[in-house]
Amino acid sequence: MSDTITIRLTEELATWLKSTARKTGVPVGRLVREQLERAKRETGTKSFMRFSGSIDGPPDLSSRKGFSRK
């Protein structure tokens, strides 16, 4: 391993991390690395999510002007 990073965690997250490490017997650093690797793998498989929230318009096409049945 060549790179070291320092991060600030919320108290809740730090408590969860320490508790999980204690329960599983896995070091905190290893838990963090495993979660980063998981996030890295999942990012590549959900490329469509980059458009999430970027499309503007009515949530239901039937509400568009000119298509109402009223």
PDB file of N, CA and C in Angstrom:
ATOM      1  N   MET A   1       0.857  -1.168   0.000  1.00  0.00           N
ATOM      2  CA  MET A   1       0.000   0.000   0.000  1.00  0.00           C
ATOM      3  C   MET A   1       0.903   1.230   0.000  1.00  0.00           C
ATOM      4  N   SER A   2       0.548   2.179  -0.857  1.00  0.00           N
ATOM      5  CA  SER A   2       1.438   3.329  -0.965  1.00  0.00           C
ATOM      6  C   SER A   2       0.810   4.644  -0.523  1.00  0.00           C
ATOM      7  N   ASP A   3      -0.487   4.802  -0.621  1.00  0.00           N
ATOM      8  CA  ASP A   3      -1.115   6.075  -0.290  1.00  0.00           C
ATOM      9  C   ASP A   3      -1.868   5.991   1.028  1.00  0.00           C
ATOM     10  N   THR A   4      -1.770   7.068   1.772  1.00  0.00           N
ATOM     11  CA  THR A   4      -2.484   7.193   3.041  1.00  0.00           C
ATOM     12  C   THR A   4      -3.344   8.434   2.959  1.00  0.00           C
ATOM     13  N   ILE A   5      -4.604   8.321   3.421  1.00  0.00           N
ATOM     14  CA  ILE A   5      -5.480   9.479   3.439  1.00  0.00           C
ATOM     15  C   ILE A   5      -6.006   9.677   4.862  1.00  0.00           C
ATOM     16  N   THR A   6      -6.396  10.895   5.148  1.00  0.00           N
ATOM     17  CA  THR A   6      -7.013  11.217   6.427  1.00  0.00           C
ATOM     18  C   THR A   6      -8.385  11.773   6.143  1.00  0.00           C
ATOM     19  N   ILE A   7      -9.398  11.246   6.817  1.00  0.00           N
ATOM     20  CA  ILE A   7     -10.762  11.728   6.620  1.00  0.00           C
ATOM     21  C   ILE A   7     -11.387  12.031   7.973  1.00  0.00           C
ATOM     22  N   ARG A   8     -12.364  12.898   7.971  1.00  0.00           N
ATOM     23  CA  ARG A   8     -13.109  13.205   9.186  1.00  0.00           C
ATOM     24  C   ARG A   8     -14.463  12.507   9.082  1.00  0.00           C
ATOM     25  N   LEU A   9     -14.813  11.795  10.132  1.00  0.00           N
ATOM     26  CA  LEU A   9     -16.068  11.064  10.159  1.00  0.00           C
ATOM     27  C   LEU A   9     -17.010  11.691  11.180  1.00  0.00           C
ATOM     28  N   THR A  10     -18.288  11.555  10.912  1.00  0.00           N
ATOM     29  CA  THR A  10     -19.255  11.962  11.925  1.00  0.00           C
ATOM     30  C   THR A  10     -19.134  10.988  13.088  1.00  0.00           C
ATOM     31  N   GLU A  11     -19.592  11.402  14.233  1.00  0.00           N
ATOM     32  CA  GLU A  11     -19.515  10.539  15.407  1.00  0.00           C
ATOM     33  C   GLU A  11     -20.292   9.240  15.177  1.00  0.00           C
ATOM     34  N   GLU A  12     -21.441   9.369  14.523  1.00  0.00           N
ATOM     35  CA  GLU A  12     -22.275   8.193  14.242  1.00  0.00           C
ATOM     36  C   GLU A  12     -21.550   7.202  13.330  1.00  0.00           C
ATOM     37  N   LEU A  13     -20.916   7.714  12.288  1.00  0.00           N
ATOM     38  CA  LEU A  13     -20.210   6.841  11.350  1.00  0.00           C
ATOM     39  C   LEU A  13     -18.984   6.202  12.006  1.00  0.00           C
ATOM     40  N   ALA A  14     -18.266   6.973  12.802  1.00  0.00           N
ATOM     41  CA  ALA A  14     -17.090   6.431  13.492  1.00  0.00           C
ATOM     42  C   ALA A  14     -17.495   5.327  14.462  1.00  0.00           C
ATOM     43  N   THR A  15     -18.603   5.533  15.165  1.00  0.00           N
ATOM     44  CA  THR A  15     -19.097   4.516  16.095  1.00  0.00           C
ATOM     45  C   THR A  15     -19.479   3.252  15.345  1.00  0.00           C
ATOM     46  N   TRP A  16     -20.187   3.416  14.214  1.00  0.00           N
ATOM     47  CA  TRP A  16     -20.572   2.254  13.410  1.00  0.00           C
ATOM     48  C   TRP A  16     -19.341   1.506  12.912  1.00  0.00           C
ATOM     49  N   LEU A  17     -18.355   2.246  12.438  1.00  0.00           N
ATOM     50  CA  LEU A  17     -17.147   1.634  11.885  1.00  0.00           C
ATOM     51  C   LEU A  17     -16.402   0.842  12.956  1.00  0.00           C
ATOM     52  N   LYS A  18     -16.218   1.428  14.117  1.00  0.00           N
ATOM     53  CA  LYS A  18     -15.516   0.735  15.207  1.00  0.00           C
ATOM     54  C   LYS A  18     -16.300  -0.486  15.672  1.00  0.00           C
ATOM     55  N   SER A  19     -17.612  -0.346  15.773  1.00  0.00           N
ATOM     56  CA  SER A  19     -18.460  -1.450  16.206  1.00  0.00           C
ATOM     57  C   SER A  19     -18.405  -2.602  15.206  1.00  0.00           C
ATOM     58  N   THR A  20     -18.479  -2.279  13.926  1.00  0.00           N
ATOM     59  CA  THR A  20     -18.419  -3.308  12.879  1.00  0.00           C
ATOM     60  C   THR A  20     -17.071  -4.010  12.891  1.00  0.00           C
ATOM     61  N   ALA A  21     -16.007  -3.246  13.076  1.00  0.00           N
ATOM     62  CA  ALA A  21     -14.665  -3.836  13.133  1.00  0.00           C
ATOM     63  C   ALA A  21     -14.550  -4.782  14.327  1.00  0.00           C
ATOM     64  N   ARG A  22     -15.103  -4.375  15.454  1.00  0.00           N
ATOM     65  CA  ARG A  22     -15.048  -5.198  16.654  1.00  0.00           C
ATOM     66  C   ARG A  22     -15.846  -6.493  16.473  1.00  0.00           C
ATOM     67  N   LYS A  23     -17.049  -6.368  15.908  1.00  0.00           N
ATOM     68  CA  LYS A  23     -17.922  -7.538  15.728  1.00  0.00           C
ATOM     69  C   LYS A  23     -17.347  -8.546  14.740  1.00  0.00           C
ATOM     70  N   THR A  24     -16.772  -8.036  13.650  1.00  0.00           N
ATOM     71  CA  THR A  24     -16.293  -8.921  12.581  1.00  0.00           C
ATOM     72  C   THR A  24     -14.838  -9.339  12.748  1.00  0.00           C
ATOM     73  N   GLY A  25     -14.092  -8.600  13.567  1.00  0.00           N
ATOM     74  CA  GLY A  25     -12.672  -8.897  13.720  1.00  0.00           C
ATOM     75  C   GLY A  25     -11.840  -8.403  12.548  1.00  0.00           C
ATOM     76  N   VAL A  26     -12.428  -7.572  11.715  1.00  0.00           N
ATOM     77  CA  VAL A  26     -11.736  -7.011  10.544  1.00  0.00           C
ATOM     78  C   VAL A  26     -11.254  -5.603  10.910  1.00  0.00           C
ATOM     79  N   PRO A  27     -10.009  -5.273  10.621  1.00  0.00           N
ATOM     80  CA  PRO A  27      -9.503  -3.933  10.948  1.00  0.00           C
ATOM     81  C   PRO A  27     -10.292  -2.828  10.237  1.00  0.00           C
ATOM     82  N   VAL A  28     -10.343  -1.670  10.881  1.00  0.00           N
ATOM     83  CA  VAL A  28     -11.085  -0.529  10.344  1.00  0.00           C
ATOM     84  C   VAL A  28     -10.592  -0.154   8.948  1.00  0.00           C
ATOM     85  N   GLY A  29      -9.291  -0.107   8.758  1.00  0.00           N
ATOM     86  CA  GLY A  29      -8.725   0.247   7.460  1.00  0.00           C
ATOM     87  C   GLY A  29      -9.163  -0.702   6.360  1.00  0.00           C
ATOM     88  N   ARG A  30      -9.220  -1.969   6.701  1.00  0.00           N
ATOM     89  CA  ARG A  30      -9.638  -2.966   5.707  1.00  0.00           C
ATOM     90  C   ARG A  30     -11.120  -2.798   5.353  1.00  0.00           C
ATOM     91  N   LEU A  31     -11.946  -2.495   6.355  1.00  0.00           N
ATOM     92  CA  LEU A  31     -13.367  -2.242   6.084  1.00  0.00           C
ATOM     93  C   LEU A  31     -13.538  -1.068   5.133  1.00  0.00           C
ATOM     94  N   VAL A  32     -12.787  -0.012   5.376  1.00  0.00           N
ATOM     95  CA  VAL A  32     -12.879   1.179   4.521  1.00  0.00           C
ATOM     96  C   VAL A  32     -12.425   0.848   3.108  1.00  0.00           C
ATOM     97  N   ARG A  33     -11.297   0.145   2.977  1.00  0.00           N
ATOM     98  CA  ARG A  33     -10.806  -0.234   1.643  1.00  0.00           C
ATOM     99  C   ARG A  33     -11.813  -1.098   0.901  1.00  0.00           C
ATOM    100  N   GLU A  34     -12.430  -2.057   1.600  1.00  0.00           N
ATOM    101  CA  GLU A  34     -13.417  -2.934   0.963  1.00  0.00           C
ATOM    102  C   GLU A  34     -14.628  -2.142   0.474  1.00  0.00           C
ATOM    103  N   GLN A  35     -15.071  -1.173   1.267  1.00  0.00           N
ATOM    104  CA  GLN A  35     -16.217  -0.362   0.860  1.00  0.00           C
ATOM    105  C   GLN A  35     -15.855   0.537  -0.322  1.00  0.00           C
ATOM    106  N   LEU A  36     -14.637   1.049  -0.352  1.00  0.00           N
ATOM    107  CA  LEU A  36     -14.202   1.862  -1.493  1.00  0.00           C
ATOM    108  C   LEU A  36     -14.128   1.012  -2.757  1.00  0.00           C
ATOM    109  N   GLU A  37     -13.608  -0.201  -2.629  1.00  0.00           N
ATOM    110  CA  GLU A  37     -13.547  -1.106  -3.783  1.00  0.00           C
ATOM    111  C   GLU A  37     -14.955  -1.438  -4.273  1.00  0.00           C
ATOM    112  N   ARG A  38     -15.877  -1.658  -3.353  1.00  0.00           N
ATOM    113  CA  ARG A  38     -17.268  -1.951  -3.722  1.00  0.00           C
ATOM    114  C   ARG A  38     -17.890  -0.767  -4.464  1.00  0.00           C
ATOM    115  N   ALA A  39     -17.667   0.430  -3.955  1.00  0.00           N
ATOM    116  CA  ALA A  39     -18.196   1.629  -4.611  1.00  0.00           C
ATOM    117  C   ALA A  39     -17.598   1.784  -6.008  1.00  0.00           C
ATOM    118  N   LYS A  40     -16.328   1.482  -6.136  1.00  0.00           N
ATOM    119  CA  LYS A  40     -15.655   1.573  -7.431  1.00  0.00           C
ATOM    120  C   LYS A  40     -16.271   0.599  -8.438  1.00  0.00           C
ATOM    121  N   ARG A  41     -16.529  -0.630  -7.997  1.00  0.00           N
ATOM    122  CA  ARG A  41     -17.138  -1.639  -8.881  1.00  0.00           C
ATOM    123  C   ARG A  41     -18.543  -1.234  -9.293  1.00  0.00           C
ATOM    124  N   GLU A  42     -19.329  -0.758  -8.339  1.00  0.00           N
ATOM    125  CA  GLU A  42     -20.728  -0.434  -8.615  1.00  0.00           C
ATOM    126  C   GLU A  42     -20.886   0.821  -9.449  1.00  0.00           C
ATOM    127  N   THR A  43     -19.946   1.726  -9.388  1.00  0.00           N
ATOM    128  CA  THR A  43     -20.021   2.957 -10.167  1.00  0.00           C
ATOM    129  C   THR A  43     -20.009   2.653 -11.660  1.00  0.00           C
ATOM    130  N   GLY A  44     -19.204   1.710 -12.065  1.00  0.00           N
ATOM    131  CA  GLY A  44     -19.102   1.367 -13.472  1.00  0.00           C
ATOM    132  C   GLY A  44     -20.338   0.686 -14.029  1.00  0.00           C
ATOM    133  N   THR A  45     -21.110   0.024 -13.187  1.00  0.00           N
ATOM    134  CA  THR A  45     -22.270  -0.716 -13.675  1.00  0.00           C
ATOM    135  C   THR A  45     -23.540   0.127 -13.711  1.00  0.00           C
ATOM    136  N   LYS A  46     -23.497   1.316 -13.151  1.00  0.00           N
ATOM    137  CA  LYS A  46     -24.694   2.159 -13.095  1.00  0.00           C
ATOM    138  C   LYS A  46     -24.456   3.482 -13.834  1.00  0.00           C
ATOM    139  N   SER A  47     -23.962   3.406 -15.050  1.00  0.00           N
ATOM    140  CA  SER A  47     -23.637   4.620 -15.787  1.00  0.00           C
ATOM    141  C   SER A  47     -24.859   5.488 -16.061  1.00  0.00           C
ATOM    142  N   PHE A  48     -26.051   4.869 -16.119  1.00  0.00           N
ATOM    143  CA  PHE A  48     -27.265   5.637 -16.366  1.00  0.00           C
ATOM    144  C   PHE A  48     -27.575   6.592 -15.219  1.00  0.00           C
ATOM    145  N   MET A  49     -27.044   6.339 -14.031  1.00  0.00           N
ATOM    146  CA  MET A  49     -27.340   7.174 -12.864  1.00  0.00           C
ATOM    147  C   MET A  49     -26.736   8.574 -12.994  1.00  0.00           C
ATOM    148  N   ARG A  50     -25.803   8.759 -13.903  1.00  0.00           N
ATOM    149  CA  ARG A  50     -25.217  10.094 -14.049  1.00  0.00           C
ATOM    150  C   ARG A  50     -26.254  11.102 -14.540  1.00  0.00           C
ATOM    151  N   PHE A  51     -27.359  10.622 -15.114  1.00  0.00           N
ATOM    152  CA  PHE A  51     -28.412  11.506 -15.582  1.00  0.00           C
ATOM    153  C   PHE A  51     -29.504  11.724 -14.534  1.00  0.00           C
ATOM    154  N   SER A  52     -29.389  11.070 -13.408  1.00  0.00           N
ATOM    155  CA  SER A  52     -30.400  11.175 -12.358  1.00  0.00           C
ATOM    156  C   SER A  52     -30.575  12.620 -11.914  1.00  0.00           C
ATOM    157  N   GLY A  53     -31.814  13.099 -11.990  1.00  0.00           N
ATOM    158  CA  GLY A  53     -32.126  14.457 -11.560  1.00  0.00           C
ATOM    159  C   GLY A  53     -31.844  15.523 -12.594  1.00  0.00           C
ATOM    160  N   SER A  54     -31.343  15.155 -13.762  1.00  0.00           N
ATOM    161  CA  SER A  54     -30.992  16.160 -14.765  1.00  0.00           C
ATOM    162  C   SER A  54     -32.081  16.363 -15.813  1.00  0.00           C
ATOM    163  N   ILE A  55     -33.077  15.520 -15.804  1.00  0.00           N
ATOM    164  CA  ILE A  55     -34.149  15.623 -16.784  1.00  0.00           C
ATOM    165  C   ILE A  55     -35.282  16.442 -16.177  1.00  0.00           C
ATOM    166  N   ASP A  56     -35.720  17.460 -16.903  1.00  0.00           N
ATOM    167  CA  ASP A  56     -36.752  18.355 -16.417  1.00  0.00           C
ATOM    168  C   ASP A  56     -38.028  18.125 -17.209  1.00  0.00           C
ATOM    169  N   GLY A  57     -39.140  18.155 -16.533  1.00  0.00           N
ATOM    170  CA  GLY A  57     -40.418  17.991 -17.204  1.00  0.00           C
ATOM    171  C   GLY A  57     -41.435  17.373 -16.281  1.00  0.00           C
ATOM    172  N   PRO A  58     -42.643  17.174 -16.794  1.00  0.00           N
ATOM    173  CA  PRO A  58     -43.688  16.597 -15.949  1.00  0.00           C
ATOM    174  C   PRO A  58     -43.383  15.134 -15.644  1.00  0.00           C
ATOM    175  N   PRO A  59     -43.754  14.674 -14.456  1.00  0.00           N
ATOM    176  CA  PRO A  59     -43.487  13.283 -14.113  1.00  0.00           C
ATOM    177  C   PRO A  59     -44.387  12.307 -14.870  1.00  0.00           C
ATOM    178  N   ASP A  60     -45.481  12.821 -15.400  1.00  0.00           N
ATOM    179  CA  ASP A  60     -46.434  11.975 -16.116  1.00  0.00           C
ATOM    180  C   ASP A  60     -46.717  12.638 -17.463  1.00  0.00           C
ATOM    181  N   LEU A  61     -46.418  11.973 -18.550  1.00  0.00           N
ATOM    182  CA  LEU A  61     -46.581  12.582 -19.876  1.00  0.00           C
ATOM    183  C   LEU A  61     -48.026  12.962 -20.177  1.00  0.00           C
ATOM    184  N   SER A  62     -48.980  12.321 -19.528  1.00  0.00           N
ATOM    185  CA  SER A  62     -50.369  12.661 -19.779  1.00  0.00           C
ATOM    186  C   SER A  62     -50.732  14.054 -19.252  1.00  0.00           C
ATOM    187  N   SER A  63     -49.855  14.644 -18.440  1.00  0.00           N
ATOM    188  CA  SER A  63     -50.125  15.974 -17.904  1.00  0.00           C
ATOM    189  C   SER A  63     -49.594  17.077 -18.833  1.00  0.00           C
ATOM    190  N   ARG A  64     -48.982  16.702 -19.947  1.00  0.00           N
ATOM    191  CA  ARG A  64     -48.471  17.696 -20.895  1.00  0.00           C
ATOM    192  C   ARG A  64     -49.617  18.426 -21.568  1.00  0.00           C
ATOM    193  N   LYS A  65     -49.415  19.682 -21.856  1.00  0.00           N
ATOM    194  CA  LYS A  65     -50.430  20.509 -22.504  1.00  0.00           C
ATOM    195  C   LYS A  65     -50.780  19.914 -23.867  1.00  0.00           C
ATOM    196  N   GLY A  66     -52.073  19.841 -24.138  1.00  0.00           N
ATOM    197  CA  GLY A  66     -52.515  19.294 -25.411  1.00  0.00           C
ATOM    198  C   GLY A  66     -52.862  17.822 -25.363  1.00  0.00           C
ATOM    199  N   PHE A  67     -52.513  17.146 -24.287  1.00  0.00           N
ATOM    200  CA  PHE A  67     -52.793  15.728 -24.185  1.00  0.00           C
ATOM    201  C   PHE A  67     -53.777  15.408 -23.064  1.00  0.00           C
ATOM    202  N   SER A  68     -54.338  16.456 -22.467  1.00  0.00           N
ATOM    203  CA  SER A  68     -55.266  16.261 -21.363  1.00  0.00           C
ATOM    204  C   SER A  68     -56.613  15.799 -21.897  1.00  0.00           C
ATOM    205  N   ARG A  69     -57.297  14.916 -21.194  1.00  0.00           N
ATOM    206  CA  ARG A  69     -58.609  14.400 -21.604  1.00  0.00           C
ATOM    207  C   ARG A  69     -59.733  15.159 -20.927  1.00  0.00           C
ATOM    208  N   LYS A  70     -59.423  16.234 -20.234  1.00  0.00           N
ATOM    209  CA  LYS A  70     -60.460  17.010 -19.529  1.00  0.00           C
ATOM    210  C   LYS A  70     -61.245  17.859 -20.474  1.00  0.00           C
TER     211      LYS A  70
END
